[in-house]
Protein backbone atom coordinates (compact mmCIF):
# COMPACT_ATOMS: atom_id res chain seq x y z
CA UNK A 1 71.10 -81.12 10.90
CA UNK A 2 69.20 -77.82 11.54
CA UNK A 3 69.48 -75.47 8.50
CA UNK A 4 71.09 -72.15 9.71
CA UNK A 5 69.50 -68.79 8.92
CA UNK A 6 72.92 -67.33 7.81
CA UNK A 7 75.88 -68.80 6.05
CA UNK A 8 79.04 -66.66 6.86
CA UNK A 9 81.23 -67.52 4.13
CA UNK A 10 85.10 -67.23 4.53
CA UNK A 11 87.14 -68.07 1.45
CA UNK A 12 90.73 -68.48 2.56
CA UNK A 13 94.16 -68.65 0.77
CA UNK A 14 97.31 -68.12 2.92
CA UNK A 15 95.57 -65.93 5.54
CA UNK A 16 96.55 -67.67 8.88
CA UNK A 17 97.81 -64.26 10.19
CA UNK A 18 94.31 -62.61 10.27
CA UNK A 19 91.98 -65.78 10.21
CA UNK A 20 91.48 -66.04 13.95
CA UNK A 21 90.24 -62.50 14.24
CA UNK A 22 87.66 -62.92 11.52
CA UNK A 23 86.27 -66.28 12.99
CA UNK A 24 86.17 -64.79 16.53
CA UNK A 25 84.56 -61.77 15.37
CA UNK A 26 81.59 -64.08 14.10
CA UNK A 27 81.41 -66.19 17.20
CA UNK A 28 81.00 -63.11 19.24
CA UNK A 29 77.65 -62.35 17.37
CA UNK A 30 74.56 -61.89 19.50
CA UNK A 31 72.70 -63.57 16.64
CA UNK A 32 73.89 -67.10 16.84
CA UNK A 33 71.67 -68.95 14.14
CA UNK A 34 74.59 -69.17 11.71
CA UNK A 35 77.28 -71.51 10.18
CA UNK A 36 80.72 -70.48 9.42
CA UNK A 37 81.74 -72.04 6.06
CA UNK A 38 85.50 -71.73 5.54
CA UNK A 39 86.70 -73.04 2.30
CA UNK A 40 90.47 -73.21 2.08
CA UNK A 41 91.89 -72.65 -1.47
CA UNK A 42 94.88 -75.02 -1.02
CA UNK A 43 96.84 -72.77 1.23
CA UNK A 44 100.49 -73.29 2.07
CA UNK A 45 100.57 -71.77 5.43
CA UNK A 46 98.67 -72.91 8.56
CA UNK A 47 95.24 -71.54 7.58
CA UNK A 48 93.61 -75.05 7.89
CA UNK A 49 95.18 -75.75 11.16
CA UNK A 50 93.69 -72.50 12.49
CA UNK A 51 90.10 -73.32 11.26
CA UNK A 52 90.45 -76.98 12.53
CA UNK A 53 91.05 -75.70 16.29
CA UNK A 54 87.85 -73.54 15.93
CA UNK A 55 85.93 -76.33 14.40
CA UNK A 56 86.88 -78.80 17.24
CA UNK A 57 85.32 -76.34 19.76
CA UNK A 58 82.26 -75.05 17.85
CA UNK A 59 80.10 -77.23 15.49
CA UNK A 60 78.96 -74.19 13.53
CA UNK A 61 82.46 -73.85 12.01
CA UNK A 62 82.56 -75.93 8.88
CA UNK A 63 85.87 -76.48 7.00
CA UNK A 64 86.04 -77.49 3.37
CA UNK A 65 89.42 -77.70 1.42
CA UNK A 66 90.19 -77.71 -2.23
CA UNK A 67 92.90 -80.27 -3.18
CA UNK A 68 93.93 -77.48 -5.93
CA UNK A 69 93.89 -73.98 -6.00
CA UNK A 70 90.76 -73.12 -7.98
CA UNK A 71 91.32 -69.39 -8.16
CA UNK A 72 89.64 -66.62 -6.27
CA UNK A 73 86.25 -66.53 -8.17
CA UNK A 74 85.73 -70.16 -8.31
CA UNK A 75 86.38 -70.35 -4.77
CA UNK A 76 83.85 -67.73 -3.92
CA UNK A 77 81.35 -69.65 -6.25
CA UNK A 78 81.99 -72.91 -4.26
CA UNK A 79 81.08 -70.86 -1.00
CA UNK A 80 77.83 -70.08 -2.51
CA UNK A 81 77.15 -73.57 -3.62
CA UNK A 82 78.09 -75.11 -0.44
CA UNK A 83 76.30 -72.72 1.90
CA UNK A 84 73.21 -73.98 3.56
CA UNK A 85 71.88 -70.65 5.07
CA UNK A 86 68.90 -68.69 3.80
CA UNK A 87 71.10 -65.55 3.91
CA UNK A 88 74.79 -65.22 2.66
CA UNK A 89 77.21 -63.01 4.51
CA UNK A 90 80.84 -63.11 2.99
CA UNK A 91 83.57 -62.27 5.29
CA UNK A 92 87.05 -62.20 3.96
CA UNK A 93 89.68 -63.88 6.04
CA UNK A 94 91.58 -60.54 6.69
CA UNK A 95 88.36 -58.57 7.61
CA UNK A 96 86.26 -58.74 10.66
CA UNK A 97 82.90 -57.77 12.05
CA UNK A 98 83.25 -54.77 14.37
CA UNK A 99 79.74 -54.84 15.98
CA UNK A 100 78.25 -57.81 17.92
CA UNK A 101 74.92 -57.00 16.10
CA UNK A 102 76.27 -57.02 12.61
CA UNK A 103 74.51 -60.19 11.60
CA UNK A 104 71.45 -59.52 13.63
CA UNK A 105 70.75 -56.03 12.17
CA UNK A 106 71.18 -57.30 8.61
CA UNK A 107 69.04 -60.44 9.17
CA UNK A 108 66.07 -58.05 10.64
CA UNK A 109 66.08 -56.12 7.45
CA UNK A 110 65.90 -59.17 5.18
CA UNK A 111 63.31 -60.75 7.58
CA UNK A 112 60.91 -57.67 7.58
CA UNK A 113 61.49 -56.23 4.10
CA UNK A 114 60.89 -58.95 1.47
CA UNK A 115 61.54 -56.76 -1.35
CA UNK A 116 65.10 -55.97 -0.17
CA UNK A 117 67.65 -58.01 -2.13
CA UNK A 118 70.84 -56.44 -0.80
CA UNK A 119 71.88 -54.96 2.46
CA UNK A 120 75.07 -53.11 3.13
CA UNK A 121 76.65 -51.08 6.02
CA UNK A 122 79.33 -48.49 6.41
CA UNK A 123 82.77 -49.99 7.27
CA UNK A 124 85.97 -49.18 8.89
CA UNK A 125 89.19 -49.40 6.95
CA UNK A 126 91.92 -50.94 9.04
CA UNK A 127 95.64 -51.58 8.52
CA UNK A 128 97.53 -54.81 8.96
CA UNK A 129 97.89 -53.99 12.79
CA UNK A 130 94.04 -53.70 12.92
CA UNK A 131 94.20 -50.06 13.59
CA UNK A 132 91.25 -47.94 12.08
CA UNK A 133 92.63 -45.71 9.35
CA UNK A 134 89.19 -44.21 8.18
CA UNK A 135 85.41 -44.85 8.20
CA UNK A 136 83.63 -45.11 4.95
CA UNK A 137 79.83 -44.66 4.43
CA UNK A 138 78.51 -44.53 0.96
CA UNK A 139 74.91 -43.68 1.81
CA UNK A 140 72.83 -42.10 4.77
CA UNK A 141 71.62 -44.50 7.31
CA UNK A 142 68.36 -45.99 6.59
CA UNK A 143 68.48 -45.47 2.86
CA UNK A 144 66.10 -47.65 0.83
CA UNK A 145 66.52 -47.36 -2.94
CA UNK A 146 65.32 -49.34 -5.95
CA UNK A 147 68.00 -51.60 -7.07
CA UNK A 148 67.96 -50.54 -10.81
CA UNK A 149 68.03 -46.91 -9.74
CA UNK A 150 71.16 -47.60 -7.69
CA UNK A 151 72.70 -49.48 -10.66
CA UNK A 152 72.42 -46.36 -12.59
CA UNK A 153 74.00 -44.18 -9.90
CA UNK A 154 76.88 -46.65 -9.72
CA UNK A 155 77.50 -46.83 -13.49
CA UNK A 156 77.69 -42.90 -13.43
CA UNK A 157 80.38 -43.12 -10.68
CA UNK A 158 82.22 -46.13 -12.20
CA UNK A 159 84.56 -44.02 -14.11
CA UNK A 160 85.86 -42.62 -10.78
CA UNK A 161 86.75 -46.20 -9.93
CA UNK A 162 84.69 -46.14 -6.80
CA UNK A 163 82.53 -48.86 -5.37
CA UNK A 164 80.15 -46.92 -3.19
CA UNK A 165 78.33 -50.01 -2.03
CA UNK A 166 81.34 -51.79 -0.61
CA UNK A 167 83.34 -54.95 -0.55
CA UNK A 168 82.03 -58.53 -0.03
CA UNK A 169 82.49 -58.28 3.76
CA UNK A 170 80.03 -55.41 4.09
CA UNK A 171 76.88 -56.94 2.57
CA UNK A 172 74.36 -59.68 3.13
CA UNK A 173 71.91 -61.10 0.59
CA UNK A 174 69.47 -63.83 -0.08
CA UNK A 175 71.05 -67.28 -1.36
CA UNK A 176 68.20 -67.82 -3.83
CA UNK A 177 69.01 -64.62 -5.57
CA UNK A 178 72.77 -65.53 -5.91
CA UNK A 179 72.28 -68.95 -7.44
CA UNK A 180 73.76 -67.92 -10.88
CA UNK A 181 77.27 -67.48 -9.15
CA UNK A 182 79.82 -64.82 -9.84
CA UNK A 183 80.75 -63.93 -13.39
CA UNK A 184 84.00 -65.50 -14.14
CA UNK A 185 85.09 -62.97 -16.51
CA UNK A 186 85.57 -60.51 -13.83
CA UNK A 187 88.65 -60.22 -11.36
CA UNK A 188 88.57 -56.72 -9.60
CA UNK A 189 84.90 -55.78 -9.91
CA UNK A 190 83.54 -59.29 -9.59
CA UNK A 191 81.78 -58.29 -6.38
CA UNK A 192 80.21 -55.16 -7.86
CA UNK A 193 78.89 -57.10 -10.82
CA UNK A 194 77.23 -59.45 -8.38
CA UNK A 195 75.69 -56.51 -6.55
CA UNK A 196 74.22 -55.38 -9.84
CA UNK A 197 72.73 -58.74 -10.38
CA UNK A 198 71.14 -58.84 -7.06
CA UNK A 199 69.96 -55.18 -7.30
CA UNK A 200 68.11 -56.21 -10.58
CA UNK A 201 65.95 -58.40 -8.29
CA UNK A 202 64.90 -55.89 -5.61
CA UNK A 203 65.69 -52.98 -3.31
CA UNK A 204 68.82 -51.80 -1.57
CA UNK A 205 68.87 -51.11 2.24
CA UNK A 206 71.87 -49.27 3.85
CA UNK A 207 72.95 -49.17 7.62
CA UNK A 208 75.09 -46.10 8.20
CA UNK A 209 76.89 -47.56 11.28
CA UNK A 210 80.19 -49.39 10.60
CA UNK A 211 79.33 -53.05 11.16
CA UNK A 212 82.55 -54.62 9.70
CA UNK A 213 86.25 -53.66 9.06
CA UNK A 214 87.89 -54.09 5.65
CA UNK A 215 91.57 -54.58 5.91
CA UNK A 216 94.07 -52.72 3.56
CA UNK A 217 97.52 -54.43 3.28
CA UNK A 218 99.99 -55.07 0.46
CA UNK A 219 99.28 -58.72 -0.06
CA UNK A 220 95.57 -58.32 -0.82
CA UNK A 221 94.30 -59.35 -4.20
CA UNK A 222 92.98 -55.74 -4.92
CA UNK A 223 96.57 -54.55 -5.01
CA UNK A 224 97.66 -57.31 -7.22
CA UNK A 225 94.75 -56.72 -9.66
CA UNK A 226 95.65 -52.94 -9.94
CA UNK A 227 99.26 -53.93 -10.72
CA UNK A 228 98.27 -55.80 -13.76
CA UNK A 229 95.59 -53.35 -14.84
CA UNK A 230 92.73 -55.94 -14.62
CA UNK A 231 90.43 -53.50 -13.02
CA UNK A 232 90.16 -51.62 -16.27
CA UNK A 233 89.19 -54.72 -18.10
CA UNK A 234 86.48 -55.13 -15.59
CA UNK A 235 85.29 -51.55 -16.11
CA UNK A 236 84.83 -52.23 -19.63
CA UNK A 237 82.88 -55.46 -19.10
CA UNK A 238 80.69 -53.72 -16.55
CA UNK A 239 79.85 -50.75 -18.92
CA UNK A 240 79.21 -53.03 -21.83
CA UNK A 241 77.15 -55.56 -19.88
CA UNK A 242 74.84 -52.96 -18.05
CA UNK A 243 74.81 -49.62 -20.03
CA UNK A 244 72.55 -51.36 -22.76
CA UNK A 245 69.87 -52.40 -20.37
CA UNK A 246 66.56 -50.75 -20.80
CA UNK A 247 66.31 -49.38 -17.23
CA UNK A 248 69.54 -47.28 -17.45
CA UNK A 249 67.80 -44.86 -19.58
CA UNK A 250 70.95 -43.68 -21.24
CA UNK A 251 70.98 -42.53 -24.82
CA UNK A 252 73.35 -43.92 -27.62
CA UNK A 253 75.59 -41.07 -27.36
CA UNK A 254 75.91 -41.15 -23.58
CA UNK A 255 76.95 -44.83 -23.69
CA UNK A 256 79.65 -44.24 -26.20
CA UNK A 257 80.79 -41.25 -24.24
CA UNK A 258 81.18 -43.41 -21.05
CA UNK A 259 83.29 -46.13 -22.91
CA UNK A 260 85.37 -43.51 -24.55
CA UNK A 261 85.90 -41.71 -21.13
CA UNK A 262 87.29 -44.93 -19.61
CA UNK A 263 89.73 -45.33 -22.68
CA UNK A 264 90.85 -41.79 -22.11
CA UNK A 265 91.33 -42.48 -18.43
CA UNK A 266 93.58 -45.37 -19.26
CA UNK A 267 95.70 -43.17 -21.48
CA UNK A 268 96.00 -40.75 -18.72
CA UNK A 269 96.84 -43.06 -15.77
CA UNK A 270 99.01 -45.75 -17.58
CA UNK A 271 102.54 -44.41 -18.08
CA UNK A 272 103.53 -46.63 -20.90
CA UNK A 273 101.45 -45.76 -24.03
CA UNK A 274 101.84 -48.95 -25.82
CA UNK A 275 100.55 -50.77 -22.78
CA UNK A 276 97.69 -48.39 -22.48
CA UNK A 277 96.59 -48.90 -26.09
CA UNK A 278 96.99 -52.71 -25.93
CA UNK A 279 94.68 -52.63 -23.00
CA UNK A 280 92.14 -50.32 -24.80
CA UNK A 281 92.35 -52.41 -28.07
CA UNK A 282 91.26 -55.54 -26.20
CA UNK A 283 87.84 -54.03 -25.80
CA UNK A 284 87.56 -51.24 -28.60
CA UNK A 285 88.50 -51.56 -32.22
CA UNK A 286 90.73 -48.66 -33.40
CA UNK A 287 88.18 -47.49 -36.04
CA UNK A 288 85.52 -47.38 -33.23
CA UNK A 289 87.86 -45.65 -30.86
CA UNK A 290 88.54 -43.02 -33.45
CA UNK A 291 84.71 -42.58 -34.03
CA UNK A 292 84.06 -42.40 -30.32
CA UNK A 293 86.79 -39.75 -30.03
CA UNK A 294 85.29 -37.54 -32.72
CA UNK A 295 81.74 -38.06 -31.16
CA UNK A 296 83.17 -37.17 -27.68
CA UNK A 297 84.71 -34.07 -28.94
CA UNK A 298 81.64 -33.03 -30.80
CA UNK A 299 79.27 -33.80 -27.99
CA UNK A 300 81.69 -31.75 -25.47
CA UNK A 301 81.56 -28.87 -27.96
CA UNK A 302 77.84 -28.85 -28.29
CA UNK A 303 77.30 -29.09 -24.45
CA UNK A 304 79.65 -26.15 -24.02
CA UNK A 305 77.90 -24.09 -26.63
CA UNK A 306 74.44 -24.97 -24.97
CA UNK A 307 75.86 -23.90 -21.49
CA UNK A 308 77.18 -20.58 -22.89
CA UNK A 309 73.77 -19.80 -24.80
CA UNK A 310 72.00 -20.63 -21.64
CA UNK A 311 73.93 -18.33 -19.52
CA UNK A 312 73.61 -15.44 -21.99
CA UNK A 313 69.84 -16.09 -22.07
CA UNK A 314 69.48 -15.86 -18.33
CA UNK A 315 71.74 -12.58 -18.09
CA UNK A 316 69.73 -11.07 -20.75
CA UNK A 317 66.54 -11.91 -18.79
CA UNK A 318 67.81 -10.32 -15.69
CA UNK A 319 68.64 -7.06 -17.52
CA UNK A 320 65.29 -6.64 -18.81
């Protein structure tokens, strides 16, 4: 069997309502050297039957099923390990490609720019009826930036709970770079952590045109993760995992301020104080939290004093 250039990986769990749209959006691509690898995670709806109909008509559609539900992240990993293509393009079962050139444009960049380890594009946000709600573009079209520099930028913005790179459906990367698999500790930011892992291996490229659509609806895993506050756990993991790496260039005080700021955010956003403190305590010892609070207040005071003195100095120079 000829090895495909791209493996379009579609992990599925109970998504029969949207699955046909996702698969059809891939089959419409002008670039046709791909496989569609669908791995069903023991769905209880008609997802398997939907895929079987496509597989009967097109040999590029390959269906694998899990006899038991592996969980979200292990199923993503199975997609990586079963994929045969040189490049990986995830597409969630409730998302779709909106440009017929989505695969081709991303493949072209990876073919021509060997230092690029991650390609992403702008995306449309759609509702459950596939109506476009908004268009999101995290970067200018044609951007090229060193991966480690982008990690620094993302860490700075992490506290605002924003992933500027985008969801799994908006990226493409080299299979060889993702052999490690996804980090099983993560639930909400598991994709962003993988993007960091890929960015450590090369350059980031961005396409400003929306090539895919990301669907928002009440049944998606993102909504469930925010309800049980697991996204805060992931933010702690990501800060601890990457703030200490040499290329971040952040001082000791800055690192501790970032972790404290996250703890402070939890206290502000979680209505129940006991729940908030329990979540913080799972990652920061009470003594460390008190120390970081003191350091945060001290550094904030010092920064304010420096800014005040700087303004007075500038005013004094202008009056001379």
